[in-house]
């Protein structure tokens, strides 16, 4: 694992969450409310609810992407810690004794 690469990827994912959060639609459901003026049910409530649902979906998606980028950063920290611990464990290991192989039946 290359920590800098993982951090860069997490930053890109976080930037994607920001772009999603900033997103908006050019046309909204609320423009329908005036299209049915005089109808028995002019769609005002439905149209307003649609706008809220779309905005909530955008917010939820941005939040999920942000959470994923934070998960990547956390995994990076955990992996770095484990790498460091394992490297120290190997450095501190007692080396095997240096022994020449012995074959008593094949000595010259």
N, C-alpha and C. Protein backbone atom coordinates (compact mmCIF):
# COMPACT_ATOMS: atom_id res chain seq x y z
N UNK A 1 0.84 -1.17 0.00
CA UNK A 1 0.00 0.00 0.00
C UNK A 1 0.89 1.24 0.00
N UNK A 2 0.55 2.15 -0.85
CA UNK A 2 1.25 3.44 -0.89
C UNK A 2 0.36 4.47 -0.19
N UNK A 3 0.74 4.89 1.02
CA UNK A 3 -0.12 5.81 1.78
C UNK A 3 -0.49 7.09 1.03
N UNK A 4 0.45 7.63 0.28
CA UNK A 4 0.15 8.88 -0.44
C UNK A 4 -0.90 8.66 -1.53
N UNK A 5 -0.84 7.49 -2.18
CA UNK A 5 -1.83 7.18 -3.21
C UNK A 5 -3.23 7.02 -2.60
N UNK A 6 -3.28 6.36 -1.44
CA UNK A 6 -4.57 6.16 -0.77
C UNK A 6 -5.14 7.50 -0.32
N UNK A 7 -4.28 8.35 0.24
CA UNK A 7 -4.74 9.68 0.67
C UNK A 7 -5.23 10.49 -0.52
N UNK A 8 -4.54 10.39 -1.64
CA UNK A 8 -4.96 11.11 -2.85
C UNK A 8 -6.31 10.61 -3.35
N UNK A 9 -6.50 9.29 -3.31
CA UNK A 9 -7.78 8.72 -3.74
C UNK A 9 -8.91 9.19 -2.82
N UNK A 10 -8.65 9.19 -1.52
CA UNK A 10 -9.68 9.64 -0.56
C UNK A 10 -10.03 11.11 -0.79
N UNK A 11 -9.04 11.91 -1.12
CA UNK A 11 -9.28 13.33 -1.40
C UNK A 11 -10.15 13.49 -2.65
N UNK A 12 -9.88 12.68 -3.67
CA UNK A 12 -10.70 12.74 -4.88
C UNK A 12 -12.13 12.31 -4.60
N UNK A 13 -12.30 11.26 -3.80
CA UNK A 13 -13.65 10.81 -3.45
C UNK A 13 -14.39 11.89 -2.67
N UNK A 14 -13.68 12.54 -1.74
CA UNK A 14 -14.28 13.61 -0.96
C UNK A 14 -14.69 14.77 -1.88
N UNK A 15 -13.86 15.07 -2.87
CA UNK A 15 -14.20 16.12 -3.83
C UNK A 15 -15.44 15.77 -4.63
N UNK A 16 -15.59 14.50 -4.94
CA UNK A 16 -16.79 14.04 -5.64
C UNK A 16 -18.03 14.28 -4.78
N UNK A 17 -17.91 14.01 -3.48
CA UNK A 17 -19.03 14.25 -2.56
C UNK A 17 -19.40 15.74 -2.56
N UNK A 18 -18.40 16.60 -2.59
CA UNK A 18 -18.67 18.05 -2.63
C UNK A 18 -19.41 18.44 -3.91
N UNK A 19 -18.98 17.84 -5.03
CA UNK A 19 -19.65 18.16 -6.30
C UNK A 19 -21.09 17.65 -6.30
N UNK A 20 -21.31 16.46 -5.74
CA UNK A 20 -22.67 15.94 -5.65
C UNK A 20 -23.53 16.85 -4.79
N UNK A 21 -22.98 17.26 -3.66
CA UNK A 21 -23.71 18.11 -2.73
C UNK A 21 -24.09 19.45 -3.37
N UNK A 22 -23.23 19.95 -4.23
CA UNK A 22 -23.48 21.24 -4.88
C UNK A 22 -24.43 21.12 -6.07
N UNK A 23 -24.76 19.89 -6.44
CA UNK A 23 -25.59 19.68 -7.61
C UNK A 23 -27.01 20.18 -7.43
N UNK A 24 -27.60 20.58 -8.52
CA UNK A 24 -29.00 21.00 -8.51
C UNK A 24 -29.59 20.74 -9.90
N UNK A 25 -30.90 20.71 -9.95
CA UNK A 25 -31.58 20.49 -11.22
C UNK A 25 -32.03 21.82 -11.79
N UNK A 26 -31.90 21.94 -13.09
CA UNK A 26 -32.33 23.17 -13.75
C UNK A 26 -33.85 23.32 -13.66
N UNK A 27 -34.55 22.21 -13.81
CA UNK A 27 -36.01 22.24 -13.73
C UNK A 27 -36.44 21.51 -12.47
N UNK A 28 -37.44 22.05 -11.81
CA UNK A 28 -37.91 21.44 -10.58
C UNK A 28 -39.36 21.03 -10.73
N UNK A 29 -39.77 20.10 -9.88
CA UNK A 29 -41.16 19.65 -9.89
C UNK A 29 -42.13 20.78 -9.58
N UNK A 30 -41.66 21.75 -8.80
CA UNK A 30 -42.56 22.84 -8.41
C UNK A 30 -43.03 23.64 -9.62
N UNK A 31 -42.32 23.56 -10.75
CA UNK A 31 -42.81 24.26 -11.95
C UNK A 31 -44.09 23.63 -12.47
N UNK A 32 -44.37 22.37 -12.05
CA UNK A 32 -45.62 21.72 -12.46
C UNK A 32 -46.84 22.31 -11.75
N UNK A 33 -46.61 22.88 -10.58
CA UNK A 33 -47.76 23.34 -9.80
C UNK A 33 -48.58 24.38 -10.56
N UNK A 34 -47.93 25.23 -11.34
CA UNK A 34 -48.66 26.23 -12.11
C UNK A 34 -49.22 25.69 -13.41
N UNK A 35 -48.73 24.51 -13.84
CA UNK A 35 -49.17 23.96 -15.12
C UNK A 35 -50.59 23.41 -15.08
N UNK A 36 -51.08 23.14 -13.89
CA UNK A 36 -52.41 22.54 -13.77
C UNK A 36 -53.37 23.48 -13.04
N UNK A 37 -53.21 24.77 -13.23
CA UNK A 37 -54.09 25.72 -12.58
C UNK A 37 -55.53 25.47 -12.98
N UNK A 38 -56.40 25.46 -11.99
CA UNK A 38 -57.81 25.23 -12.25
C UNK A 38 -58.20 23.77 -12.21
N UNK A 39 -57.23 22.88 -12.14
CA UNK A 39 -57.56 21.45 -12.06
C UNK A 39 -58.08 21.14 -10.67
N UNK A 40 -58.81 20.04 -10.55
CA UNK A 40 -59.33 19.67 -9.23
C UNK A 40 -58.21 19.43 -8.23
N UNK A 41 -57.12 18.88 -8.71
CA UNK A 41 -55.95 18.65 -7.86
C UNK A 41 -54.76 19.27 -8.59
N UNK A 42 -54.39 20.50 -8.25
CA UNK A 42 -53.40 21.23 -9.03
C UNK A 42 -51.94 20.75 -8.86
N UNK A 43 -51.70 19.67 -8.16
CA UNK A 43 -50.36 19.07 -8.06
C UNK A 43 -49.38 19.87 -7.20
N UNK A 44 -49.84 20.91 -6.52
CA UNK A 44 -48.93 21.74 -5.75
C UNK A 44 -48.21 20.93 -4.67
N UNK A 45 -48.95 20.15 -3.91
CA UNK A 45 -48.34 19.36 -2.83
C UNK A 45 -47.40 18.30 -3.38
N UNK A 46 -47.83 17.64 -4.44
CA UNK A 46 -47.00 16.60 -5.05
C UNK A 46 -45.71 17.21 -5.61
N UNK A 47 -45.84 18.33 -6.26
CA UNK A 47 -44.68 18.98 -6.86
C UNK A 47 -43.68 19.42 -5.78
N UNK A 48 -44.17 20.02 -4.73
CA UNK A 48 -43.28 20.47 -3.65
C UNK A 48 -42.62 19.26 -2.99
N UNK A 49 -43.36 18.19 -2.80
CA UNK A 49 -42.79 16.98 -2.21
C UNK A 49 -41.72 16.37 -3.09
N UNK A 50 -41.92 16.43 -4.40
CA UNK A 50 -40.92 15.90 -5.34
C UNK A 50 -39.61 16.64 -5.24
N UNK A 51 -39.68 17.97 -5.17
CA UNK A 51 -38.46 18.78 -5.02
C UNK A 51 -37.71 18.41 -3.74
N UNK A 52 -38.46 18.27 -2.66
CA UNK A 52 -37.82 17.91 -1.38
C UNK A 52 -37.17 16.55 -1.44
N UNK A 53 -37.85 15.60 -2.09
CA UNK A 53 -37.29 14.24 -2.18
C UNK A 53 -36.02 14.21 -3.02
N UNK A 54 -36.02 14.93 -4.12
CA UNK A 54 -34.82 14.99 -4.96
C UNK A 54 -33.67 15.61 -4.17
N UNK A 55 -33.93 16.72 -3.49
CA UNK A 55 -32.88 17.38 -2.72
C UNK A 55 -32.37 16.47 -1.60
N UNK A 56 -33.29 15.76 -0.93
CA UNK A 56 -32.88 14.84 0.14
C UNK A 56 -32.04 13.70 -0.42
N UNK A 57 -32.39 13.22 -1.60
CA UNK A 57 -31.60 12.16 -2.24
C UNK A 57 -30.19 12.64 -2.57
N UNK A 58 -30.08 13.85 -3.04
CA UNK A 58 -28.75 14.42 -3.33
C UNK A 58 -27.95 14.53 -2.03
N UNK A 59 -28.58 15.03 -0.99
CA UNK A 59 -27.91 15.17 0.31
C UNK A 59 -27.48 13.81 0.84
N UNK A 60 -28.36 12.82 0.76
CA UNK A 60 -28.03 11.48 1.24
C UNK A 60 -26.88 10.86 0.45
N UNK A 61 -26.90 11.04 -0.86
CA UNK A 61 -25.83 10.49 -1.70
C UNK A 61 -24.50 11.15 -1.37
N UNK A 62 -24.49 12.46 -1.24
CA UNK A 62 -23.26 13.16 -0.89
C UNK A 62 -22.74 12.69 0.47
N UNK A 63 -23.65 12.48 1.41
CA UNK A 63 -23.25 11.98 2.72
C UNK A 63 -22.64 10.60 2.66
N UNK A 64 -23.22 9.73 1.83
CA UNK A 64 -22.68 8.37 1.68
C UNK A 64 -21.30 8.40 1.05
N UNK A 65 -21.09 9.24 0.06
CA UNK A 65 -19.79 9.35 -0.59
C UNK A 65 -18.76 9.93 0.39
N UNK A 66 -19.16 10.91 1.18
CA UNK A 66 -18.26 11.47 2.19
C UNK A 66 -17.87 10.40 3.21
N UNK A 67 -18.84 9.62 3.64
CA UNK A 67 -18.57 8.55 4.60
C UNK A 67 -17.58 7.55 4.01
N UNK A 68 -17.72 7.24 2.73
CA UNK A 68 -16.78 6.31 2.09
C UNK A 68 -15.37 6.88 2.07
N UNK A 69 -15.24 8.17 1.78
CA UNK A 69 -13.89 8.76 1.76
C UNK A 69 -13.27 8.73 3.15
N UNK A 70 -14.09 8.92 4.18
CA UNK A 70 -13.58 8.85 5.55
C UNK A 70 -13.19 7.42 5.90
N UNK A 71 -13.93 6.45 5.38
CA UNK A 71 -13.58 5.05 5.58
C UNK A 71 -12.24 4.72 4.94
N UNK A 72 -12.01 5.25 3.76
CA UNK A 72 -10.73 5.02 3.07
C UNK A 72 -9.58 5.60 3.89
N UNK A 73 -9.75 6.81 4.42
CA UNK A 73 -8.72 7.43 5.25
C UNK A 73 -8.47 6.59 6.50
N UNK A 74 -9.53 6.10 7.12
CA UNK A 74 -9.39 5.27 8.31
C UNK A 74 -8.66 3.97 7.98
N UNK A 75 -9.01 3.35 6.86
CA UNK A 75 -8.33 2.11 6.46
C UNK A 75 -6.86 2.38 6.18
N UNK A 76 -6.56 3.54 5.63
CA UNK A 76 -5.16 3.92 5.38
C UNK A 76 -4.40 3.97 6.69
N UNK A 77 -4.97 4.64 7.68
CA UNK A 77 -4.31 4.74 8.99
C UNK A 77 -4.13 3.38 9.64
N UNK A 78 -5.14 2.54 9.54
CA UNK A 78 -5.05 1.20 10.12
C UNK A 78 -3.97 0.39 9.41
N UNK A 79 -3.95 0.45 8.09
CA UNK A 79 -2.95 -0.30 7.32
C UNK A 79 -1.54 0.19 7.61
N UNK A 80 -1.38 1.50 7.70
CA UNK A 80 -0.05 2.04 8.03
C UNK A 80 0.40 1.55 9.40
N UNK A 81 -0.52 1.59 10.37
CA UNK A 81 -0.18 1.12 11.71
C UNK A 81 0.21 -0.35 11.71
N UNK A 82 -0.55 -1.17 11.01
CA UNK A 82 -0.22 -2.60 10.94
C UNK A 82 1.10 -2.82 10.23
N UNK A 83 1.34 -2.09 9.15
CA UNK A 83 2.62 -2.21 8.44
C UNK A 83 3.78 -1.87 9.37
N UNK A 84 3.64 -0.78 10.11
CA UNK A 84 4.69 -0.37 11.04
C UNK A 84 4.90 -1.42 12.13
N UNK A 85 3.80 -1.92 12.69
CA UNK A 85 3.89 -2.94 13.74
C UNK A 85 4.56 -4.21 13.22
N UNK A 86 4.16 -4.65 12.03
CA UNK A 86 4.75 -5.86 11.46
C UNK A 86 6.23 -5.67 11.14
N UNK A 87 6.58 -4.51 10.63
CA UNK A 87 7.99 -4.23 10.33
C UNK A 87 8.81 -4.25 11.61
N UNK A 88 8.30 -3.66 12.68
CA UNK A 88 9.01 -3.66 13.96
C UNK A 88 9.13 -5.09 14.50
N UNK A 89 8.08 -5.86 14.37
CA UNK A 89 8.09 -7.25 14.84
C UNK A 89 9.17 -8.05 14.12
N UNK A 90 9.27 -7.86 12.82
CA UNK A 90 10.28 -8.58 12.04
C UNK A 90 11.67 -8.09 12.38
N UNK A 91 11.84 -6.77 12.53
CA UNK A 91 13.16 -6.22 12.89
C UNK A 91 13.63 -6.74 14.25
N UNK A 92 12.69 -6.88 15.18
CA UNK A 92 13.04 -7.29 16.53
C UNK A 92 13.09 -8.81 16.72
N UNK A 93 12.78 -9.54 15.68
CA UNK A 93 12.78 -11.00 15.81
C UNK A 93 14.21 -11.51 16.04
N UNK A 94 14.31 -12.55 16.82
CA UNK A 94 15.62 -13.17 17.07
C UNK A 94 15.99 -14.00 15.85
N UNK A 95 17.17 -13.80 15.32
CA UNK A 95 17.54 -14.56 14.13
C UNK A 95 17.77 -16.03 14.48
N UNK A 96 17.56 -16.88 13.50
CA UNK A 96 17.86 -18.30 13.70
C UNK A 96 19.36 -18.46 13.89
N UNK A 97 19.76 -19.43 14.71
CA UNK A 97 21.21 -19.64 14.85
C UNK A 97 21.81 -20.11 13.53
N UNK A 98 23.00 -19.74 13.32
CA UNK A 98 23.68 -20.13 12.11
C UNK A 98 24.31 -21.50 12.33
N UNK A 99 23.78 -22.48 11.70
CA UNK A 99 24.26 -23.85 11.87
C UNK A 99 24.46 -24.46 10.49
N UNK A 100 25.56 -25.13 10.36
CA UNK A 100 25.81 -25.83 9.10
C UNK A 100 25.02 -27.14 9.11
N UNK A 101 24.52 -27.55 7.99
CA UNK A 101 23.79 -28.82 7.96
C UNK A 101 24.73 -29.99 8.25
N UNK A 102 24.21 -30.90 8.98
CA UNK A 102 25.02 -32.07 9.36
C UNK A 102 24.33 -33.32 8.82
N UNK A 103 25.12 -34.14 8.16
CA UNK A 103 24.64 -35.43 7.68
C UNK A 103 25.68 -36.46 8.06
N UNK A 104 25.51 -37.10 9.23
CA UNK A 104 26.55 -38.02 9.69
C UNK A 104 26.80 -39.20 8.76
N UNK A 105 25.81 -39.57 7.97
CA UNK A 105 26.01 -40.71 7.06
C UNK A 105 26.73 -40.32 5.78
N UNK A 106 26.96 -39.05 5.61
CA UNK A 106 27.60 -38.60 4.36
C UNK A 106 28.78 -37.70 4.63
N UNK A 107 29.54 -37.98 5.65
CA UNK A 107 30.71 -37.16 5.96
C UNK A 107 31.92 -37.73 5.24
N UNK A 108 32.78 -36.90 4.77
CA UNK A 108 33.98 -37.36 4.05
C UNK A 108 35.19 -37.06 4.83
